[in-house]
Amino acid sequence: MKKYILLLLLSFSISCKQQNQRLEESTVSSTIHSNEINVSTKVINETYFNQQLVANGKIESLQKSQLRFKTTEQLSKVLVKNGQFIEKGALIASLENGLLKNQLQKAQISFEQAKQKLQEEKINYGLEAASENEIPSTILKTLKIKSGFLEAENNLENAQLVYNQTLLKAPFSGLVANIETKVGYHVGASEVFCTLINQEQLEVSFAVLESEFHFIKKGQLVEAQSFSNTDDSYKGSISEINPLVDEDGLIKVKAKLKGKIAELFDGMNVKIVINKPLENTIVIPKEALVLRSNRKVVFKLDNGLAKWNYVDVLDENSTSYALKDGLSLGDTIIVSGNMNLSHDAKVNATFIDKNKD
């Protein structure tokens, strides 16, 4: 019985040692794996870099007009609303004009009567069948004066002009803005009733530093981005460079935007990006560069180890750096997980497809 118990104890002891050994091996393996830092890598294959100049600009309409009535009267009708698109010649609003309309109708009647009287005078003069082009000008003028035709024609034109002053029409197609007056209000001749904006002809004005003047030229392409929607950008080209430097060392520039841009409004603030191509240079993503002892460092992947390389930056834009030296085409660089890397650190690399940026 004692021998049986001793055998059991010995077997239990051997089993515990084996389990402890497996646990230690598992712990060592886990420790070794945990020492590898997960990183993402990318092969350098870019040699085309866009130098960028970024500025703040303001949208302006090339065709914008403040519309006013030419007479003073009570507002009778408003036929449009703010933000509404109207065609050229469309009626926007009208003033009280019942009396003027009546006077216009009377002038039209008098004009018709004068036309009949002129025809009678032509008959009396023996020119019934003759057209006005066939009648000598001196005789035709005498007949028009005698019949009252010229006076009636002048009165009709005057009545029409006075009546038209109570109508406000669109001088061009565009969007209506800034209507604040309501029906029944008294409108003065000097008062701006509304603003009409041609949304299809926009430009952006911005300023560049004197030291940045070499970067721009007339006809150069620009991109405008609204601060409310940074996903969309709108193309344009520099149309005007003011040849003066102001007291702040700035040069004013204008660029005409292309196409109909419904998302941009007159007076809107936008970001302007101007690109200037720079070829035959090494280009890396901004996230690949880190600082070590105030020097710029990029880690390369070499046989599972992170190797740091000092680099010199030539230029930068919003997404990338262009390098003078430090790396070569075909190098595999670490672009994420590199913030706390050290030289010769073991890494577990995930490669980023070069076609998926």
Foldseek 3Di string as FASTA:
>chain_A
DVVVVVVVVVVVVVVVVVVVVVVVVVVVVVVVVVLAFAFAKEFFDDFKDWFKDKFKKFKAFPDKDQFFQQAKAAWADADDDAFDWDFFFDWGTFGDCPVLVVQLVVLVVVLVQLVVLLLVLCVVVVNNPPDPVRDPPVVSVVSSVVSVNVVSVVSNVVSVVVRCSRITGHNGIFGKHDQDDDGGDIGHRPDGRIMGGHQFKMKIKTKDALVCVVVDDFQAKKWKAAPVGRPDIFIWTWHDWAPDQDPVRITMTMTITHGRDPPHDGGGMIMMMGIDMDGRFTKDWPLQWDDDPNFIWGWFADPQFTAIWTWAFPHDDPTITTTPDTDDRRTMTTRPSPHPDDGRRGHDYDYDDPVPD
